[in-house]
C-alpha atoms as a PDB file:
ATOM      1  CA  MET A   1      35.418  18.429  10.474  1.00  0.00           C
ATOM      2  CA  LYS A   2      31.995  19.877   9.656  1.00  0.00           C
ATOM      3  CA  TYR A   3      31.619  17.725   6.523  1.00  0.00           C
ATOM      4  CA  LYS A   4      32.674  14.578   8.363  1.00  0.00           C
ATOM      5  CA  LEU A   5      30.005  15.197  10.994  1.00  0.00           C
ATOM      6  CA  ILE A   6      27.282  15.712   8.373  1.00  0.00           C
ATOM      7  CA  THR A   7      28.413  12.570   6.523  1.00  0.00           C
ATOM      8  CA  LEU A   8      28.331  10.586   9.767  1.00  0.00           C
ATOM      9  CA  LEU A   9      24.798  11.824  10.534  1.00  0.00           C
ATOM     10  CA  PHE A  10      23.548  10.797   7.073  1.00  0.00           C
ATOM     11  CA  LEU A  11      25.118   7.345   7.375  1.00  0.00           C
ATOM     12  CA  GLY A  12      23.567   6.967  10.833  1.00  0.00           C
ATOM     13  CA  MET A  13      20.109   7.780   9.458  1.00  0.00           C
ATOM     14  CA  PHE A  14      20.454   5.152   6.730  1.00  0.00           C
ATOM     15  CA  LEU A  15      21.664   2.525   9.219  1.00  0.00           C
ATOM     16  CA  ILE A  16      18.758   3.235  11.596  1.00  0.00           C
ATOM     17  CA  ASN A  17      16.280   2.983   8.708  1.00  0.00           C
ATOM     18  CA  SER A  18      17.712  -0.348   7.607  1.00  0.00           C
ATOM     19  CA  VAL A  19      17.515  -1.776  11.140  1.00  0.00           C
ATOM     20  CA  TYR A  20      13.813  -0.939  11.508  1.00  0.00           C
ATOM     21  CA  ALA A  21      12.796  -1.795   7.937  1.00  0.00           C
ATOM     22  CA  LEU A  22      10.592  -4.837   7.445  1.00  0.00           C
ATOM     23  CA  GLU A  23      11.821  -7.584   5.172  1.00  0.00           C
ATOM     24  CA  ASP A  24       9.832  -8.037   1.958  1.00  0.00           C
ATOM     25  CA  LEU A  25       8.522 -11.562   1.277  1.00  0.00           C
ATOM     26  CA  GLY A  26       7.459 -10.564  -2.236  1.00  0.00           C
ATOM     27  CA  THR A  27       4.299  -9.987  -4.226  1.00  0.00           C
ATOM     28  CA  PHE A  28       1.609 -12.630  -4.600  1.00  0.00           C
ATOM     29  CA  LYS A  29      -1.580 -13.074  -6.577  1.00  0.00           C
ATOM     30  CA  GLN A  30      -4.922 -12.310  -4.948  1.00  0.00           C
ATOM     31  CA  GLY A  31      -6.581 -15.427  -3.528  1.00  0.00           C
ATOM     32  CA  GLU A  32      -3.390 -17.535  -3.526  1.00  0.00           C
ATOM     33  CA  THR A  33      -1.916 -19.124  -0.417  1.00  0.00           C
ATOM     34  CA  VAL A  34       1.212 -17.327   0.781  1.00  0.00           C
ATOM     35  CA  ILE A  35       3.895 -19.439   2.441  1.00  0.00           C
ATOM     36  CA  ILE A  36       5.431 -17.380   5.231  1.00  0.00           C
ATOM     37  CA  SER A  37       8.909 -18.719   5.934  1.00  0.00           C
ATOM     38  CA  GLN A  38      11.352 -18.034   8.762  1.00  0.00           C
ATOM     39  CA  ILE A  39      14.801 -19.602   9.109  1.00  0.00           C
ATOM     40  CA  CYS A  40      16.392 -19.981  12.529  1.00  0.00           C
ATOM     41  CA  ASN A  41      18.810 -22.863  13.176  1.00  0.00           C
ATOM     42  CA  ASP A  42      18.758 -22.615  16.959  1.00  0.00           C
ATOM     43  CA  ALA A  43      14.989 -22.210  17.467  1.00  0.00           C
ATOM     44  CA  THR A  44      12.816 -24.993  18.816  1.00  0.00           C
ATOM     45  CA  TYR A  45       9.633 -23.107  17.957  1.00  0.00           C
ATOM     46  CA  ILE A  46       8.559 -20.020  16.033  1.00  0.00           C
ATOM     47  CA  THR A  47       5.138 -18.551  16.714  1.00  0.00           C
ATOM     48  CA  LEU A  48       3.354 -16.364  14.202  1.00  0.00           C
ATOM     49  CA  SER A  49       1.685 -13.758  16.414  1.00  0.00           C
ATOM     50  CA  SER A  50      -0.317 -11.541  14.065  1.00  0.00           C
ATOM     51  CA  ILE A  51      -0.922 -10.375  10.517  1.00  0.00           C
ATOM     52  CA  SER A  52      -2.146  -6.863   9.755  1.00  0.00           C
ATOM     53  CA  LYS A  53      -4.280  -6.637   6.629  1.00  0.00           C
ATOM     54  CA  PRO A  54      -4.289  -3.656   4.209  1.00  0.00           C
ATOM     55  CA  ASP A  55      -7.420  -2.185   5.798  1.00  0.00           C
ATOM     56  CA  SER A  56      -5.539  -2.070   9.147  1.00  0.00           C
ATOM     57  CA  THR A  57      -7.503  -4.941  10.694  1.00  0.00           C
ATOM     58  CA  ARG A  58      -5.283  -7.239  12.706  1.00  0.00           C
ATOM     59  CA  ILE A  59      -5.618 -11.000  12.645  1.00  0.00           C
ATOM     60  CA  SER A  60      -4.307 -12.662  15.802  1.00  0.00           C
ATOM     61  CA  ILE A  61      -2.781 -15.950  14.708  1.00  0.00           C
ATOM     62  CA  ASN A  62      -0.801 -17.131  17.763  1.00  0.00           C
ATOM     63  CA  GLU A  63       0.049 -20.458  16.124  1.00  0.00           C
ATOM     64  CA  ASN A  64       3.360 -22.242  15.890  1.00  0.00           C
ATOM     65  CA  MET A  65       4.865 -22.393  12.446  1.00  0.00           C
ATOM     66  CA  THR A  66       5.537 -25.848  10.999  1.00  0.00           C
ATOM     67  CA  PHE A  67       9.129 -27.069  11.147  1.00  0.00           C
ATOM     68  CA  VAL A  68      10.159 -28.268   7.665  1.00  0.00           C
ATOM     69  CA  GLY A  69      13.818 -29.065   8.348  1.00  0.00           C
ATOM     70  CA  SER A  70      17.229 -27.357   8.202  1.00  0.00           C
ATOM     71  CA  GLY A  71      16.081 -24.657  10.613  1.00  0.00           C
ATOM     72  CA  GLU A  72      13.185 -23.538   8.401  1.00  0.00           C
ATOM     73  CA  PHE A  73       9.657 -22.954   9.682  1.00  0.00           C
ATOM     74  CA  ASN A  74       6.630 -22.310   7.434  1.00  0.00           C
ATOM     75  CA  TYR A  75       3.069 -21.084   7.812  1.00  0.00           C
ATOM     76  CA  ASN A  76       0.433 -21.191   5.048  1.00  0.00           C
ATOM     77  CA  PHE A  77      -1.714 -18.047   4.999  1.00  0.00           C
ATOM     78  CA  SER A  78      -4.701 -18.199   2.663  1.00  0.00           C
ATOM     79  CA  SER A  79      -6.849 -15.184   3.581  1.00  0.00           C
ATOM     80  CA  THR A  80      -5.424 -13.026   0.774  1.00  0.00           C
ATOM     81  CA  TYR A  81      -8.501 -11.490  -0.821  1.00  0.00           C
ATOM     82  CA  ASP A  82      -7.790  -7.857   0.126  1.00  0.00           C
ATOM     83  CA  LEU A  83      -5.361  -6.030  -2.159  1.00  0.00           C
ATOM     84  CA  GLY A  84      -2.403  -4.265  -0.582  1.00  0.00           C
ATOM     85  CA  ARG A  85       0.291  -4.782   2.019  1.00  0.00           C
ATOM     86  CA  TYR A  86       0.111  -7.378   4.808  1.00  0.00           C
ATOM     87  CA  ASP A  87       2.452  -7.042   7.824  1.00  0.00           C
ATOM     88  CA  VAL A  88       3.533 -10.250   9.582  1.00  0.00           C
ATOM     89  CA  LYS A  89       4.934 -10.427  13.136  1.00  0.00           C
ATOM     90  CA  GLY A  90       6.217 -13.352  15.132  1.00  0.00           C
ATOM     91  CA  ILE A  91       8.426 -14.545  17.971  1.00  0.00           C
ATOM     92  CA  SER A  92      10.801 -17.441  18.556  1.00  0.00           C
ATOM     93  CA  ASP A  93      13.013 -18.872  21.279  1.00  0.00           C
ATOM     94  CA  GLY A  94      16.163 -18.388  19.227  1.00  0.00           C
ATOM     95  CA  CYS A  95      17.836 -16.103  16.689  1.00  0.00           C
ATOM     96  CA  GLU A  96      16.476 -12.575  17.038  1.00  0.00           C
ATOM     97  CA  ASN A  97      13.484 -13.598  19.218  1.00  0.00           C
ATOM     98  CA  THR A  98      11.121 -11.417  17.142  1.00  0.00           C
ATOM     99  CA  PHE A  99      10.709 -10.933  13.413  1.00  0.00           C
ATOM    100  CA  ALA A 100       8.608  -8.837  11.080  1.00  0.00           C
ATOM    101  CA  TYR A 101       7.913  -9.247   7.383  1.00  0.00           C
ATOM    102  CA  TYR A 102       5.512  -7.861   4.853  1.00  0.00           C
ATOM    103  CA  PHE A 103       4.123  -9.068   1.575  1.00  0.00           C
ATOM    104  CA  THR A 104       1.935  -7.466  -1.054  1.00  0.00           C
ATOM    105  CA  ILE A 105      -1.178  -8.860  -2.743  1.00  0.00           C
ATOM    106  CA  THR A 106      -2.013  -7.662  -6.265  1.00  0.00           C
ATOM    107  CA  PRO A 107      -4.592  -8.898  -8.792  1.00  0.00           C
ATOM    108  CA  SER A 108      -1.960 -10.364 -11.110  1.00  0.00           C
ATOM    109  CA  GLY A 109       0.750 -11.256  -8.620  1.00  0.00           C
ATOM    110  CA  GLN A 110       3.088  -8.751 -10.249  1.00  0.00           C
ATOM    111  CA  GLY A 111       4.597  -5.965  -8.254  1.00  0.00           C
ATOM    112  CA  GLY A 112       5.429  -2.433  -9.199  1.00  0.00           C
ATOM    113  CA  THR A 113       4.339  -0.425 -12.156  1.00  0.00           C
ATOM    114  CA  GLU A 114       7.021  -1.426 -14.650  1.00  0.00           C
ATOM    115  CA  ASN A 115       4.521  -2.538 -17.289  1.00  0.00           C
ATOM    116  CA  ILE A 116       2.002   0.286 -16.843  1.00  0.00           C
ATOM    117  CA  THR A 117       3.298   2.060 -19.973  1.00  0.00           C
ATOM    118  CA  PHE A 118       2.778  -1.122 -21.988  1.00  0.00           C
ATOM    119  CA  PHE A 119      -0.808  -1.464 -20.759  1.00  0.00           C
ATOM    120  CA  ILE A 120      -1.588   2.180 -21.492  1.00  0.00           C
ATOM    121  CA  LEU A 121      -0.149   1.839 -25.016  1.00  0.00           C
ATOM    122  CA  ILE A 122      -2.223  -1.313 -25.654  1.00  0.00           C
ATOM    123  CA  ILE A 123      -5.388   0.406 -24.419  1.00  0.00           C
ATOM    124  CA  LEU A 124      -4.711   3.499 -26.562  1.00  0.00           C
ATOM    125  CA  LEU A 125      -3.871   1.334 -29.583  1.00  0.00           C
ATOM    126  CA  ILE A 126      -7.078  -0.691 -29.334  1.00  0.00           C
ATOM    127  CA  TYR A 127      -9.198   2.445 -28.808  1.00  0.00           C
ATOM    128  CA  GLY A 128      -7.348   4.116 -31.715  1.00  0.00           C
ATOM    129  CA  ILE A 129      -7.976   1.227 -34.113  1.00  0.00           C
ATOM    130  CA  THR A 130     -11.649   1.080 -33.166  1.00  0.00           C
ATOM    131  CA  PHE A 131     -12.302   4.815 -33.480  1.00  0.00           C
ATOM    132  CA  THR A 132     -10.259   5.092 -36.698  1.00  0.00           C
ATOM    133  CA  GLY A 133     -12.349   2.325 -38.224  1.00  0.00           C
ATOM    134  CA  PHE A 134     -15.597   3.758 -36.836  1.00  0.00           C
ATOM    135  CA  PHE A 135     -15.120   7.370 -37.943  1.00  0.00           C
ATOM    136  CA  GLY A 136     -13.408   6.308 -41.175  1.00  0.00           C
ATOM    137  CA  ARG A 137     -16.371   4.021 -41.904  1.00  0.00           C
ATOM    138  CA  ASN A 138     -14.068   1.034 -42.310  1.00  0.00           C
ATOM    139  CA  ILE A 139     -16.401  -1.791 -41.301  1.00  0.00           C
ATOM    140  CA  PRO A 140     -13.899  -4.692 -40.948  1.00  0.00           C
ATOM    141  CA  MET A 141     -11.489  -2.552 -38.887  1.00  0.00           C
ATOM    142  CA  THR A 142     -14.364  -1.420 -36.635  1.00  0.00           C
ATOM    143  CA  ILE A 143     -15.512  -4.993 -36.065  1.00  0.00           C
ATOM    144  CA  LEU A 144     -11.970  -6.178 -35.226  1.00  0.00           C
ATOM    145  CA  GLY A 145     -11.304  -3.145 -33.004  1.00  0.00           C
ATOM    146  CA  GLY A 146     -14.650  -3.594 -31.217  1.00  0.00           C
ATOM    147  CA  MET A 147     -13.941  -7.265 -30.594  1.00  0.00           C
ATOM    148  CA  ALA A 148     -10.477  -6.388 -29.265  1.00  0.00           C
ATOM    149  CA  MET A 149     -12.131  -3.857 -26.929  1.00  0.00           C
ATOM    150  CA  LEU A 150     -14.508  -6.546 -25.680  1.00  0.00           C
ATOM    151  CA  PHE A 151     -11.602  -8.883 -24.882  1.00  0.00           C
ATOM    152  CA  LEU A 152      -9.617  -6.045 -23.276  1.00  0.00           C
ATOM    153  CA  GLY A 153     -12.608  -5.089 -21.115  1.00  0.00           C
ATOM    154  CA  VAL A 154     -13.146  -8.646 -19.908  1.00  0.00           C
ATOM    155  CA  TYR A 155      -9.429  -8.941 -19.115  1.00  0.00           C
ATOM    156  CA  LEU A 156      -9.487  -5.667 -17.161  1.00  0.00           C
ATOM    157  CA  VAL A 157     -12.525  -6.786 -15.150  1.00  0.00           C
ATOM    158  CA  SER A 158     -10.866 -10.038 -14.123  1.00  0.00           C
ATOM    159  CA  GLN A 159      -7.216  -8.963 -13.756  1.00  0.00           C
ATOM    160  CA  GLY A 160      -7.127  -5.188 -13.375  1.00  0.00           C
ATOM    161  CA  ILE A 161      -4.159  -3.207 -14.595  1.00  0.00           C
ATOM    162  CA  ILE A 162      -1.070  -4.846 -13.062  1.00  0.00           C
ATOM    163  CA  ILE A 163      -1.321  -3.870  -9.380  1.00  0.00           C
ATOM    164  CA  PHE A 164      -4.527  -1.897  -9.691  1.00  0.00           C
ATOM    165  CA  ARG A 165      -8.017  -3.327  -9.485  1.00  0.00           C
ATOM    166  CA  ASP A 166     -10.480  -0.933  -7.986  1.00  0.00           C
ATOM    167  CA  ASP A 167     -13.587   1.047  -8.939  1.00  0.00           C
ATOM    168  CA  LEU A 168     -11.663   3.121 -11.498  1.00  0.00           C
ATOM    169  CA  THR A 169     -10.261   0.104 -13.342  1.00  0.00           C
ATOM    170  CA  ASN A 170     -13.708  -1.540 -13.273  1.00  0.00           C
ATOM    171  CA  TYR A 171     -15.238   1.643 -14.698  1.00  0.00           C
ATOM    172  CA  ILE A 172     -12.638   1.686 -17.496  1.00  0.00           C
ATOM    173  CA  ALA A 173     -13.265  -2.028 -18.127  1.00  0.00           C
ATOM    174  CA  TYR A 174     -17.058  -1.683 -18.361  1.00  0.00           C
ATOM    175  CA  LEU A 175     -16.727   1.425 -20.552  1.00  0.00           C
ATOM    176  CA  THR A 176     -14.373  -0.502 -22.837  1.00  0.00           C
ATOM    177  CA  ILE A 177     -16.819  -3.423 -23.066  1.00  0.00           C
ATOM    178  CA  ALA A 178     -19.727  -1.071 -23.818  1.00  0.00           C
ATOM    179  CA  VAL A 179     -17.876   0.901 -26.509  1.00  0.00           C
ATOM    180  CA  GLY A 180     -16.553  -2.305 -28.060  1.00  0.00           C
ATOM    181  CA  ALA A 181     -20.004  -3.915 -28.142  1.00  0.00           C
ATOM    182  CA  ILE A 182     -21.719  -0.814 -29.553  1.00  0.00           C
ATOM    183  CA  THR A 183     -19.151  -0.193 -32.300  1.00  0.00           C
ATOM    184  CA  SER A 184     -19.016  -3.878 -33.292  1.00  0.00           C
ATOM    185  CA  PHE A 185     -22.805  -4.102 -33.359  1.00  0.00           C
ATOM    186  CA  TRP A 186     -23.025  -0.923 -35.452  1.00  0.00           C
ATOM    187  CA  ALA A 187     -20.389  -2.223 -37.898  1.00  0.00           C
ATOM    188  CA  VAL A 188     -22.165  -5.572 -38.295  1.00  0.00           C
ATOM    189  CA  LEU A 189     -25.466  -3.763 -39.017  1.00  0.00           C
ATOM    190  CA  GLU A 190     -23.705  -1.540 -41.565  1.00  0.00           C
ATOM    191  CA  GLN A 191     -22.162  -4.622 -43.184  1.00  0.00           C
ATOM    192  CA  PHE A 192     -25.594  -6.204 -43.659  1.00  0.00           C
ATOM    193  CA  GLU A 193     -26.982  -2.977 -45.141  1.00  0.00           C
ATOM    194  CA  VAL A 194     -24.094  -2.825 -47.656  1.00  0.00           C
ATOM    195  CA  ILE A 195     -24.734  -6.375 -48.874  1.00  0.00           C
END
């Protein structure tokens, strides 16, 4: 009896969490327009009431969503320059009467950190090639590694590392550009002295 009661309590906690959980609309790229969609066959209108931005500021929308057919209503939201999670709330005259969603904005439009190991390995590989060429006095390898560091740094400035683009990733990007430029410049000067 005791184990049945504990099992019932755990199941109840999971059911309560699933009832109050917001539905995920997905992950989108920074600056892109997000189409917020709600489906309700018996609604005559659906009003988008508010959107909370990642910095906790709330945007009062209070606009009706556009009916696109087959019970689907859409709203185009284009103020997606802040990175993070946006919470969406609305009401309708049918279905559940209220709804709540969230979506996430990242620099690349990818969610999660699945590829973070790949990015770290690429960064370490490029740094390794450059420093091996530099300290081993291998001029062609240093030039190629330095150029790769320049391209990696520019990529990191514009895209960040998957879901991260903040002061730390910018610092890493500018450091990568500086080290790449200095080592490439040094290797080119050494090449001209050898000839």
